[in-house]
N, C-alpha and C. Protein backbone atom coordinates (compact mmCIF):
# COMPACT_ATOMS: atom_id res chain seq x y z
N MET A 1 0.78 -1.03 0.01
CA MET A 1 0.07 -0.01 0.04
C MET A 1 0.94 1.32 -0.01
N ARG A 2 0.67 2.20 -0.86
CA ARG A 2 1.34 3.45 -0.93
C ARG A 2 0.66 4.39 -0.10
N ILE A 3 1.46 5.22 0.73
CA ILE A 3 0.92 6.29 1.56
C ILE A 3 1.21 7.58 0.81
N ASN A 4 0.19 8.48 0.83
CA ASN A 4 0.26 9.65 0.19
C ASN A 4 1.06 10.62 1.07
N LEU A 5 2.24 11.05 0.64
CA LEU A 5 3.26 11.78 1.47
C LEU A 5 3.00 13.23 0.87
N ASP A 6 1.78 13.85 1.11
CA ASP A 6 1.55 15.20 0.66
C ASP A 6 2.27 16.36 1.32
N LYS A 7 2.46 17.53 0.68
CA LYS A 7 3.17 18.59 1.25
C LYS A 7 2.37 19.31 2.34
N LYS A 8 1.09 19.08 2.49
CA LYS A 8 0.32 19.60 3.49
C LYS A 8 0.52 19.10 4.89
N HIS A 9 0.87 17.73 5.00
CA HIS A 9 0.85 17.03 6.29
C HIS A 9 2.44 16.65 6.61
N PHE A 10 3.36 16.78 5.59
CA PHE A 10 4.70 16.29 5.78
C PHE A 10 5.74 17.36 5.50
N THR A 11 6.82 17.44 6.22
CA THR A 11 7.92 18.24 5.76
C THR A 11 8.62 17.70 4.58
N ARG A 12 9.54 18.41 4.03
CA ARG A 12 10.31 17.83 2.96
C ARG A 12 11.12 16.63 3.32
N SER A 13 11.73 16.82 4.45
CA SER A 13 12.59 15.57 4.97
C SER A 13 11.77 14.43 5.24
N GLU A 14 10.61 14.59 5.78
CA GLU A 14 9.66 13.36 6.02
C GLU A 14 9.27 12.88 4.76
N ARG A 15 8.89 13.73 3.76
CA ARG A 15 8.56 13.06 2.50
C ARG A 15 9.72 12.22 1.80
N LYS A 16 10.99 12.74 1.90
CA LYS A 16 12.14 12.12 1.41
C LYS A 16 12.23 10.73 2.08
N PHE A 17 12.26 10.68 3.42
CA PHE A 17 12.33 9.52 4.25
C PHE A 17 11.30 8.47 3.96
N GLY A 18 9.98 8.99 3.78
CA GLY A 18 8.88 8.04 3.39
C GLY A 18 9.08 7.48 2.14
N ARG A 19 9.63 8.19 1.11
CA ARG A 19 9.77 7.71 -0.32
C ARG A 19 10.91 6.78 -0.18
N MET A 20 12.04 6.91 0.61
CA MET A 20 13.05 5.90 0.66
C MET A 20 12.39 4.64 1.27
N LEU A 21 11.64 4.74 2.18
CA LEU A 21 10.94 3.42 2.71
C LEU A 21 10.17 2.78 1.75
N GLN A 22 9.34 3.52 1.10
CA GLN A 22 8.59 2.98 -0.05
C GLN A 22 9.50 2.25 -1.16
N GLU A 23 10.51 2.92 -1.55
CA GLU A 23 11.42 2.39 -2.61
C GLU A 23 11.99 0.97 -2.07
N LEU A 24 12.37 0.97 -0.68
CA LEU A 24 12.84 -0.20 -0.18
C LEU A 24 11.88 -1.34 0.26
N HIS A 25 10.63 -1.04 0.04
CA HIS A 25 9.43 -1.93 0.40
C HIS A 25 9.49 -2.25 1.79
N ILE A 26 9.61 -1.15 2.65
CA ILE A 26 9.74 -1.36 4.10
C ILE A 26 8.32 -0.82 4.58
N PRO A 27 7.40 -1.68 5.08
CA PRO A 27 6.15 -1.22 5.57
C PRO A 27 6.22 -0.29 6.77
N PHE A 28 5.42 0.89 6.67
CA PHE A 28 5.48 1.78 7.83
C PHE A 28 4.13 2.50 7.89
N GLU A 29 4.08 3.11 9.02
CA GLU A 29 2.76 3.99 9.33
C GLU A 29 3.29 5.30 9.49
N THR A 30 2.43 6.30 9.32
CA THR A 30 2.95 7.72 9.52
C THR A 30 1.96 8.44 10.43
N LYS A 31 2.54 9.50 11.13
CA LYS A 31 1.72 10.32 11.95
C LYS A 31 0.89 9.65 12.91
N ILE A 32 1.51 8.66 13.61
CA ILE A 32 0.71 7.76 14.57
C ILE A 32 0.82 8.48 16.00
N LEU A 33 -0.42 8.39 16.50
CA LEU A 33 -0.54 8.86 17.90
C LEU A 33 -0.30 7.70 18.93
N ILE A 34 0.62 7.87 19.78
CA ILE A 34 0.88 6.84 20.77
C ILE A 34 0.64 7.43 22.12
N ASN A 35 -0.47 7.10 22.63
CA ASN A 35 -1.08 7.63 23.86
C ASN A 35 -0.98 9.20 23.84
N GLY A 36 -1.49 9.79 22.85
CA GLY A 36 -1.55 11.27 22.68
C GLY A 36 -0.29 11.93 22.19
N ARG A 37 0.74 11.17 21.89
CA ARG A 37 1.96 11.91 21.30
C ARG A 37 2.17 11.35 19.85
N GLU A 38 2.43 12.32 19.15
CA GLU A 38 2.59 11.87 17.70
C GLU A 38 3.99 11.55 17.27
N THR A 39 4.18 10.52 16.60
CA THR A 39 5.50 10.22 15.96
C THR A 39 5.35 10.18 14.55
N ASP A 40 6.39 10.56 13.85
CA ASP A 40 6.39 10.80 12.39
C ASP A 40 6.24 9.49 11.67
N PHE A 41 6.92 8.49 12.00
CA PHE A 41 6.93 7.09 11.46
C PHE A 41 7.03 6.10 12.28
N LEU A 42 6.23 5.03 12.08
CA LEU A 42 6.38 3.75 12.94
C LEU A 42 6.64 2.61 12.10
N ILE A 43 7.64 1.97 12.34
CA ILE A 43 8.16 0.74 11.67
C ILE A 43 8.32 -0.34 12.80
N LYS A 44 7.31 -1.24 12.78
CA LYS A 44 7.29 -2.24 13.76
C LYS A 44 7.26 -1.48 15.12
N ARG A 45 8.27 -1.72 15.98
CA ARG A 45 8.34 -0.99 17.33
C ARG A 45 9.33 0.17 17.28
N TYR A 46 9.79 0.51 16.08
CA TYR A 46 10.51 1.82 15.97
C TYR A 46 9.69 3.03 15.86
N ALA A 47 9.88 4.02 16.70
CA ALA A 47 9.11 5.17 16.57
C ALA A 47 10.16 6.35 16.12
N ILE A 48 9.89 6.77 14.86
CA ILE A 48 10.88 7.58 14.28
C ILE A 48 10.33 9.07 14.14
N ASP A 49 11.06 9.97 14.65
CA ASP A 49 10.84 11.47 14.43
C ASP A 49 11.94 12.13 13.69
N ILE A 50 11.46 12.92 12.75
CA ILE A 50 12.46 13.74 11.97
C ILE A 50 12.07 15.19 12.20
N ASP A 51 13.20 15.97 12.77
CA ASP A 51 12.91 17.25 13.04
C ASP A 51 14.15 18.21 12.63
N GLY A 52 14.09 19.48 12.84
CA GLY A 52 15.07 20.47 12.60
C GLY A 52 15.63 20.94 13.92
N HIS A 53 15.17 20.28 14.98
CA HIS A 53 15.57 20.72 16.37
C HIS A 53 15.76 19.60 17.19
N PRO A 54 16.51 19.72 18.44
CA PRO A 54 16.67 18.58 19.28
C PRO A 54 15.41 17.99 19.74
N GLN A 55 15.44 16.67 19.91
CA GLN A 55 14.32 15.87 20.33
C GLN A 55 13.91 16.11 21.79
N ASN A 56 12.64 16.11 22.04
CA ASN A 56 12.25 16.13 23.43
C ASN A 56 12.54 14.86 24.18
N THR A 57 13.37 14.95 25.19
CA THR A 57 13.94 13.66 25.75
C THR A 57 12.74 13.00 26.58
N ASP A 58 11.80 13.88 27.14
CA ASP A 58 10.73 13.28 27.92
C ASP A 58 9.87 12.40 26.91
N LYS A 59 9.62 12.78 25.65
CA LYS A 59 8.98 11.98 24.75
C LYS A 59 9.71 10.66 24.49
N ASN A 60 11.03 10.71 24.40
CA ASN A 60 11.70 9.34 24.11
C ASN A 60 11.68 8.42 25.23
N VAL A 61 11.64 9.02 26.51
CA VAL A 61 11.46 8.22 27.64
C VAL A 61 10.01 7.64 27.66
N TYR A 62 9.07 8.36 27.38
CA TYR A 62 7.68 7.84 27.30
C TYR A 62 7.51 6.87 26.41
N LEU A 63 8.06 7.09 25.17
CA LEU A 63 7.92 6.02 24.12
C LEU A 63 8.69 4.68 24.51
N ALA A 64 9.81 4.88 25.11
CA ALA A 64 10.52 3.64 25.45
C ALA A 64 9.71 2.85 26.59
N LYS A 65 9.22 3.56 27.50
CA LYS A 65 8.34 2.87 28.61
C LYS A 65 7.08 2.28 27.97
N ALA A 66 6.56 2.88 26.87
CA ALA A 66 5.40 2.23 26.20
C ALA A 66 5.78 1.00 25.26
N GLY A 67 7.15 0.71 25.23
CA GLY A 67 7.62 -0.42 24.57
C GLY A 67 8.01 -0.17 23.10
N TYR A 68 8.21 1.11 22.80
CA TYR A 68 8.82 1.38 21.51
C TYR A 68 10.25 1.79 21.55
N ILE A 69 10.89 1.69 20.38
CA ILE A 69 12.39 2.19 20.43
C ILE A 69 12.30 3.52 19.70
N PRO A 70 12.68 4.61 20.41
CA PRO A 70 12.61 5.93 19.75
C PRO A 70 13.80 6.18 19.00
N LEU A 71 13.87 6.76 17.72
CA LEU A 71 14.87 7.01 17.03
C LEU A 71 14.56 8.52 16.36
N HIS A 72 15.57 9.33 16.45
CA HIS A 72 15.54 10.71 16.03
C HIS A 72 16.43 11.00 14.98
N PHE A 73 15.99 11.60 13.99
CA PHE A 73 16.94 12.10 12.89
C PHE A 73 16.70 13.58 12.71
N TYR A 74 17.77 14.40 12.43
CA TYR A 74 17.62 15.83 12.14
C TYR A 74 17.36 15.89 10.55
N ASN A 75 16.75 16.96 10.05
CA ASN A 75 16.44 17.12 8.70
C ASN A 75 17.77 17.00 7.88
N LYS A 76 18.73 17.46 8.31
CA LYS A 76 20.09 17.50 7.64
C LYS A 76 20.65 16.02 7.46
N GLU A 77 20.36 15.15 8.36
CA GLU A 77 20.78 13.94 8.26
C GLU A 77 19.97 13.03 7.13
N ILE A 78 18.78 13.34 7.02
CA ILE A 78 17.86 12.83 5.91
C ILE A 78 18.31 13.29 4.67
N ASN A 79 18.63 14.50 4.50
CA ASN A 79 19.01 15.16 3.23
C ASN A 79 20.45 14.61 2.86
N GLN A 80 21.37 14.38 3.73
CA GLN A 80 22.69 13.86 3.50
C GLN A 80 22.56 12.57 3.08
N THR A 81 21.68 11.73 3.68
CA THR A 81 21.49 10.33 3.26
C THR A 81 21.05 10.31 1.78
N ILE A 82 20.22 11.12 1.29
CA ILE A 82 19.79 11.03 0.00
C ILE A 82 20.93 11.46 -1.01
N ILE A 83 21.75 12.53 -0.63
CA ILE A 83 22.87 12.83 -1.40
C ILE A 83 23.82 11.67 -1.46
N ASN A 84 24.12 10.88 -0.39
CA ASN A 84 25.01 9.69 -0.38
C ASN A 84 24.47 8.64 -1.29
N LYS A 85 23.16 8.57 -1.25
CA LYS A 85 22.46 7.52 -1.98
C LYS A 85 22.70 7.86 -3.55
N LEU A 86 22.55 9.03 -3.91
CA LEU A 86 22.72 9.37 -5.32
C LEU A 86 24.16 9.23 -5.73
N ILE A 87 25.16 9.66 -4.91
CA ILE A 87 26.50 9.52 -5.27
C ILE A 87 26.98 8.08 -5.41
N ASN A 88 26.32 7.10 -4.62
CA ASN A 88 26.78 5.80 -4.73
C ASN A 88 25.88 5.04 -5.85
N LEU A 89 25.19 5.70 -6.69
CA LEU A 89 24.49 4.97 -7.88
C LEU A 89 25.33 4.54 -8.86
């Protein structure tokens, strides 16, 4: 199933990350609420957030206590990954 990664609901980096997951055929969910706290991507038990600022550590602790593995990426990390992927083609 393809998820619509539209500009209205996703940042550029989130769209890039989502497209990479789709290209790799990795199933994921987006904009998932976990007990009232939104995470950008959910892949099995991995709760992934992509931001341009430092992550809220309280949210990470909360997610870990709820049984998820929190991962955080900065926008620049996603953009650099795309550049590296293109260079290695």
